[in-house]
């Protein structure tokens, strides 16, 4: 099967996102547990009100614990919990976050033989 190069170019993916805003917010929290809602909103290009609702969804579902430290919140992700889409307990959200939120210098890309 031959795929058109047009489908590989960026404009085709501009209309959709690989991760939901909930997943992207979770990544922001994984990268910085002291991140502010304003920073998450700017990163996701959504309103602070929508960001607050998303973080509330994540805390209500038990994926994120929120603790007040002075005037700021500190978040803790419950990495042992399964991904929402999977019914099996073997797909922990922490494993996915480790992969997606790993610093660039820790990422290892493997190449196929002959590349």
N, C-alpha and C. Protein backbone atom coordinates (compact mmCIF):
# COMPACT_ATOMS: atom_id res chain seq x y z
N UNK A 1 0.84 -1.16 0.00
CA UNK A 1 0.00 0.00 0.00
C UNK A 1 0.89 1.23 0.00
N UNK A 2 0.57 2.20 -0.83
CA UNK A 2 1.36 3.42 -0.94
C UNK A 2 0.59 4.56 -0.29
N UNK A 3 1.28 5.31 0.58
CA UNK A 3 0.66 6.44 1.24
C UNK A 3 1.11 7.72 0.57
N UNK A 4 0.20 8.63 0.39
CA UNK A 4 0.52 9.91 -0.21
C UNK A 4 1.37 10.74 0.74
N UNK A 5 2.41 11.40 0.24
CA UNK A 5 3.24 12.23 1.11
C UNK A 5 2.46 13.39 1.72
N UNK A 6 1.34 13.75 1.15
CA UNK A 6 0.53 14.84 1.68
C UNK A 6 0.05 14.50 3.10
N UNK A 7 -0.25 13.25 3.36
CA UNK A 7 -0.75 12.85 4.67
C UNK A 7 0.33 12.87 5.74
N UNK A 8 1.58 12.97 5.35
CA UNK A 8 2.68 12.97 6.30
C UNK A 8 3.05 14.40 6.70
N UNK A 9 2.67 15.37 5.92
CA UNK A 9 3.04 16.76 6.20
C UNK A 9 2.24 17.32 7.37
N UNK A 10 2.79 18.31 8.03
CA UNK A 10 2.19 18.90 9.22
C UNK A 10 0.78 19.44 9.05
N UNK A 11 0.42 20.10 7.96
CA UNK A 11 -0.92 20.65 7.88
C UNK A 11 -2.03 19.61 8.07
N UNK A 12 -1.77 18.35 7.76
CA UNK A 12 -2.80 17.33 7.94
C UNK A 12 -3.06 17.02 9.41
N UNK A 13 -2.07 17.22 10.27
CA UNK A 13 -2.27 16.92 11.68
C UNK A 13 -2.63 18.16 12.48
N UNK A 14 -2.72 19.31 11.85
CA UNK A 14 -3.05 20.53 12.56
C UNK A 14 -4.47 20.52 13.13
N UNK A 15 -5.32 19.64 12.63
CA UNK A 15 -6.71 19.60 13.07
C UNK A 15 -6.97 18.62 14.20
N UNK A 16 -5.96 17.93 14.67
CA UNK A 16 -6.18 16.97 15.75
C UNK A 16 -4.95 16.93 16.64
N UNK A 17 -5.12 16.33 17.80
CA UNK A 17 -4.04 16.25 18.77
C UNK A 17 -3.80 14.80 19.14
N UNK A 18 -2.55 14.43 19.31
CA UNK A 18 -2.21 13.06 19.68
C UNK A 18 -2.71 12.73 21.09
N UNK A 19 -2.57 13.68 22.00
CA UNK A 19 -3.03 13.49 23.37
C UNK A 19 -4.18 14.46 23.66
N UNK A 20 -5.08 14.06 24.55
CA UNK A 20 -6.15 14.95 24.98
C UNK A 20 -5.56 16.05 25.86
N UNK A 21 -6.32 17.06 26.11
CA UNK A 21 -5.86 18.12 27.01
C UNK A 21 -5.66 17.57 28.42
N UNK A 22 -6.43 16.57 28.82
CA UNK A 22 -6.22 15.94 30.12
C UNK A 22 -4.84 15.27 30.17
N UNK A 23 -4.49 14.56 29.13
CA UNK A 23 -3.19 13.90 29.07
C UNK A 23 -2.05 14.90 29.00
N UNK A 24 -2.25 15.97 28.26
CA UNK A 24 -1.22 16.99 28.14
C UNK A 24 -1.04 17.74 29.46
N UNK A 25 -2.14 18.00 30.18
CA UNK A 25 -2.04 18.64 31.49
C UNK A 25 -1.30 17.73 32.47
N UNK A 26 -1.59 16.44 32.40
CA UNK A 26 -0.90 15.48 33.25
C UNK A 26 0.60 15.48 32.96
N UNK A 27 0.97 15.61 31.71
CA UNK A 27 2.38 15.70 31.35
C UNK A 27 3.03 16.96 31.93
N UNK A 28 2.32 18.07 31.89
CA UNK A 28 2.84 19.31 32.48
C UNK A 28 3.11 19.12 33.97
N UNK A 29 2.18 18.46 34.64
CA UNK A 29 2.33 18.20 36.07
C UNK A 29 3.47 17.22 36.32
N UNK A 30 3.61 16.23 35.46
CA UNK A 30 4.70 15.26 35.62
C UNK A 30 6.06 15.93 35.48
N UNK A 31 6.15 16.89 34.59
CA UNK A 31 7.42 17.60 34.36
C UNK A 31 7.74 18.58 35.49
N UNK A 32 6.69 19.15 36.10
CA UNK A 32 6.89 20.12 37.18
C UNK A 32 5.72 20.03 38.15
N UNK A 33 5.89 19.32 39.27
CA UNK A 33 4.80 19.16 40.24
C UNK A 33 4.34 20.47 40.89
N UNK A 34 5.09 21.55 40.71
CA UNK A 34 4.70 22.85 41.25
C UNK A 34 4.20 23.80 40.17
N UNK A 35 3.89 23.27 39.00
CA UNK A 35 3.44 24.09 37.88
C UNK A 35 2.16 24.84 38.27
N UNK A 36 2.04 26.05 37.77
CA UNK A 36 0.85 26.86 38.04
C UNK A 36 -0.19 26.61 36.94
N UNK A 37 -1.46 26.76 37.31
CA UNK A 37 -2.53 26.59 36.33
C UNK A 37 -2.33 27.51 35.13
N UNK A 38 -1.85 28.71 35.37
CA UNK A 38 -1.60 29.67 34.28
C UNK A 38 -0.58 29.11 33.29
N UNK A 39 0.45 28.45 33.82
CA UNK A 39 1.49 27.88 32.95
C UNK A 39 0.95 26.70 32.15
N UNK A 40 0.12 25.88 32.78
CA UNK A 40 -0.50 24.77 32.05
C UNK A 40 -1.40 25.32 30.95
N UNK A 41 -2.19 26.33 31.28
CA UNK A 41 -3.10 26.93 30.30
C UNK A 41 -2.33 27.48 29.09
N UNK A 42 -1.23 28.16 29.37
CA UNK A 42 -0.42 28.71 28.26
C UNK A 42 0.17 27.59 27.43
N UNK A 43 0.65 26.54 28.07
CA UNK A 43 1.24 25.42 27.35
C UNK A 43 0.23 24.71 26.46
N UNK A 44 -1.00 24.59 26.95
CA UNK A 44 -2.05 23.90 26.20
C UNK A 44 -2.85 24.83 25.29
N UNK A 45 -2.60 26.14 25.40
CA UNK A 45 -3.33 27.15 24.63
C UNK A 45 -4.83 27.07 24.88
N UNK A 46 -5.18 26.97 26.19
CA UNK A 46 -6.58 26.97 26.60
C UNK A 46 -6.72 27.96 27.75
N UNK A 47 -7.96 28.23 28.15
CA UNK A 47 -8.20 29.20 29.22
C UNK A 47 -7.82 28.62 30.58
N UNK A 48 -7.57 29.51 31.53
CA UNK A 48 -7.26 29.07 32.88
C UNK A 48 -8.48 28.38 33.50
N UNK A 49 -9.67 28.82 33.15
CA UNK A 49 -10.89 28.19 33.66
C UNK A 49 -10.98 26.74 33.19
N UNK A 50 -10.68 26.52 31.91
CA UNK A 50 -10.70 25.15 31.36
C UNK A 50 -9.60 24.31 32.00
N UNK A 51 -8.46 24.92 32.22
CA UNK A 51 -7.35 24.22 32.88
C UNK A 51 -7.74 23.81 34.29
N UNK A 52 -8.39 24.71 35.02
CA UNK A 52 -8.85 24.39 36.36
C UNK A 52 -9.81 23.19 36.33
N UNK A 53 -10.72 23.18 35.36
CA UNK A 53 -11.67 22.07 35.23
C UNK A 53 -10.95 20.75 34.94
N UNK A 54 -9.93 20.80 34.09
CA UNK A 54 -9.18 19.60 33.74
C UNK A 54 -8.42 19.06 34.95
N UNK A 55 -7.73 19.94 35.66
CA UNK A 55 -6.99 19.52 36.85
C UNK A 55 -7.96 19.01 37.91
N UNK A 56 -9.12 19.62 38.03
CA UNK A 56 -10.15 19.12 38.95
C UNK A 56 -10.62 17.73 38.55
N UNK A 57 -10.81 17.51 37.25
CA UNK A 57 -11.18 16.17 36.76
C UNK A 57 -10.13 15.14 37.17
N UNK A 58 -8.85 15.50 36.98
CA UNK A 58 -7.76 14.58 37.31
C UNK A 58 -7.68 14.31 38.81
N UNK A 59 -7.93 15.32 39.63
CA UNK A 59 -7.90 15.10 41.08
C UNK A 59 -9.13 14.33 41.54
N UNK A 60 -10.29 14.65 40.97
CA UNK A 60 -11.52 13.93 41.33
C UNK A 60 -11.43 12.45 40.96
N UNK A 61 -10.75 12.16 39.86
CA UNK A 61 -10.60 10.76 39.42
C UNK A 61 -9.51 10.04 40.20
N UNK A 62 -8.74 10.78 41.01
CA UNK A 62 -7.71 10.16 41.83
C UNK A 62 -6.35 10.06 41.17
N UNK A 63 -6.20 10.58 39.97
CA UNK A 63 -4.92 10.49 39.28
C UNK A 63 -3.90 11.50 39.81
N UNK A 64 -4.40 12.59 40.38
CA UNK A 64 -3.53 13.63 40.91
C UNK A 64 -3.99 13.99 42.32
N UNK A 65 -3.02 14.07 43.23
CA UNK A 65 -3.28 14.58 44.57
C UNK A 65 -2.77 16.01 44.60
N UNK A 66 -3.55 16.89 45.21
CA UNK A 66 -3.19 18.31 45.27
C UNK A 66 -2.98 18.69 46.74
N UNK A 67 -1.83 19.33 47.00
CA UNK A 67 -1.51 19.75 48.37
C UNK A 67 -1.11 21.23 48.33
N UNK A 68 -1.69 21.99 49.20
CA UNK A 68 -1.38 23.42 49.28
C UNK A 68 -0.08 23.62 50.03
N UNK A 69 0.85 24.38 49.45
CA UNK A 69 2.11 24.74 50.09
C UNK A 69 2.25 26.26 49.99
N UNK A 70 1.91 26.93 51.08
CA UNK A 70 1.89 28.39 51.05
C UNK A 70 0.79 28.87 50.13
N UNK A 71 1.16 29.67 49.17
CA UNK A 71 0.18 30.18 48.20
C UNK A 71 0.10 29.32 46.94
N UNK A 72 0.92 28.30 46.87
CA UNK A 72 0.99 27.46 45.67
C UNK A 72 0.45 26.07 45.95
N UNK A 73 0.13 25.39 44.88
CA UNK A 73 -0.26 23.98 44.96
C UNK A 73 0.91 23.12 44.53
N UNK A 74 1.01 21.99 45.12
CA UNK A 74 1.98 20.97 44.71
C UNK A 74 1.16 19.74 44.36
N UNK A 75 1.46 19.16 43.21
CA UNK A 75 0.71 18.02 42.70
C UNK A 75 1.55 16.76 42.79
N UNK A 76 0.87 15.66 43.03
CA UNK A 76 1.53 14.35 43.03
C UNK A 76 0.68 13.41 42.19
N UNK A 77 1.28 12.85 41.16
CA UNK A 77 0.57 11.93 40.28
C UNK A 77 0.59 10.54 40.89
N UNK A 78 -0.53 9.89 40.86
CA UNK A 78 -0.65 8.52 41.35
C UNK A 78 -0.28 7.57 40.20
N UNK A 79 1.02 7.36 40.06
CA UNK A 79 1.56 6.65 38.90
C UNK A 79 1.17 5.18 38.83
N UNK A 80 0.71 4.62 39.91
CA UNK A 80 0.35 3.20 39.93
C UNK A 80 -1.03 2.94 39.32
N UNK A 81 -1.82 3.98 39.12
CA UNK A 81 -3.17 3.80 38.60
C UNK A 81 -3.14 3.43 37.11
N UNK A 82 -4.10 2.64 36.67
CA UNK A 82 -4.12 2.24 35.25
C UNK A 82 -4.58 3.39 34.36
N UNK A 83 -4.19 3.32 33.11
CA UNK A 83 -4.70 4.28 32.13
C UNK A 83 -6.21 4.14 32.04
N UNK A 84 -6.94 5.23 31.87
CA UNK A 84 -8.39 5.15 31.83
C UNK A 84 -8.94 4.27 30.71
N UNK A 85 -8.25 4.21 29.57
CA UNK A 85 -8.76 3.42 28.45
C UNK A 85 -8.57 1.93 28.60
N UNK A 86 -7.70 1.52 29.50
CA UNK A 86 -7.38 0.11 29.65
C UNK A 86 -8.07 -0.47 30.88
N UNK A 87 -8.62 -1.64 30.71
CA UNK A 87 -9.27 -2.30 31.85
C UNK A 87 -8.27 -3.13 32.64
N UNK A 88 -7.17 -3.54 32.03
CA UNK A 88 -6.14 -4.32 32.72
C UNK A 88 -5.32 -3.43 33.64
N UNK A 89 -4.85 -3.95 34.74
CA UNK A 89 -4.07 -3.17 35.69
C UNK A 89 -2.61 -3.08 35.28
N UNK A 90 -2.22 -3.73 34.19
CA UNK A 90 -0.81 -3.74 33.79
C UNK A 90 -0.39 -2.51 33.00
N UNK A 91 -1.30 -1.62 32.68
CA UNK A 91 -0.98 -0.42 31.93
C UNK A 91 -1.02 0.79 32.87
N UNK A 92 -0.01 0.93 33.72
CA UNK A 92 0.02 2.02 34.69
C UNK A 92 0.33 3.34 34.00
N UNK A 93 -0.32 4.38 34.46
CA UNK A 93 -0.13 5.70 33.87
C UNK A 93 1.29 6.21 34.07
N UNK A 94 1.95 5.78 35.14
CA UNK A 94 3.32 6.21 35.40
C UNK A 94 4.29 5.76 34.32
N UNK A 95 4.09 4.58 33.78
CA UNK A 95 4.97 4.08 32.73
C UNK A 95 4.86 4.94 31.47
N UNK A 96 3.67 5.36 31.15
CA UNK A 96 3.46 6.20 29.97
C UNK A 96 4.04 7.59 30.22
N UNK A 97 3.83 8.14 31.41
CA UNK A 97 4.36 9.46 31.72
C UNK A 97 5.89 9.45 31.73
N UNK A 98 6.48 8.37 32.24
CA UNK A 98 7.94 8.26 32.22
C UNK A 98 8.47 8.33 30.80
N UNK A 99 7.79 7.68 29.90
CA UNK A 99 8.21 7.68 28.50
C UNK A 99 8.04 9.05 27.86
N UNK A 100 6.88 9.66 28.07
CA UNK A 100 6.57 10.92 27.40
C UNK A 100 7.21 12.14 28.06
N UNK A 101 7.42 12.08 29.36
CA UNK A 101 7.95 13.24 30.08
C UNK A 101 9.43 13.14 30.38
N UNK A 102 10.09 12.12 29.87
CA UNK A 102 11.52 11.95 30.14
C UNK A 102 12.30 13.09 29.53
N UNK A 103 13.34 13.56 30.22
CA UNK A 103 14.19 14.61 29.64
C UNK A 103 14.81 14.13 28.34
N UNK A 104 15.05 15.06 27.46
CA UNK A 104 15.60 14.72 26.13
C UNK A 104 16.89 13.92 26.22
N UNK A 105 17.74 14.27 27.17
CA UNK A 105 19.02 13.57 27.24
C UNK A 105 18.87 12.11 27.68
N UNK A 106 17.76 11.74 28.30
CA UNK A 106 17.55 10.36 28.72
C UNK A 106 16.87 9.52 27.65
N UNK A 107 16.29 10.16 26.66
CA UNK A 107 15.59 9.41 25.62
C UNK A 107 16.58 8.71 24.73
N UNK A 108 16.27 7.51 24.37
CA UNK A 108 17.11 6.73 23.47
C UNK A 108 16.28 6.36 22.25
N UNK A 109 16.78 6.73 21.10
CA UNK A 109 16.11 6.37 19.87
C UNK A 109 16.90 5.26 19.21
N UNK A 110 16.23 4.21 18.86
CA UNK A 110 16.90 3.11 18.20
C UNK A 110 16.71 3.24 16.71
N UNK A 111 17.71 2.84 15.99
CA UNK A 111 17.63 2.87 14.53
C UNK A 111 17.58 1.45 14.02
N UNK A 112 16.91 1.32 12.92
CA UNK A 112 16.89 0.02 12.25
C UNK A 112 18.26 -0.22 11.62
N UNK A 113 18.61 -1.47 11.47
CA UNK A 113 19.88 -1.82 10.83
C UNK A 113 19.89 -1.25 9.42
N UNK A 114 20.98 -0.63 9.07
CA UNK A 114 21.13 -0.09 7.73
C UNK A 114 20.71 1.34 7.58
N UNK A 115 20.18 1.96 8.64
CA UNK A 115 19.78 3.38 8.56
C UNK A 115 20.98 4.27 8.73
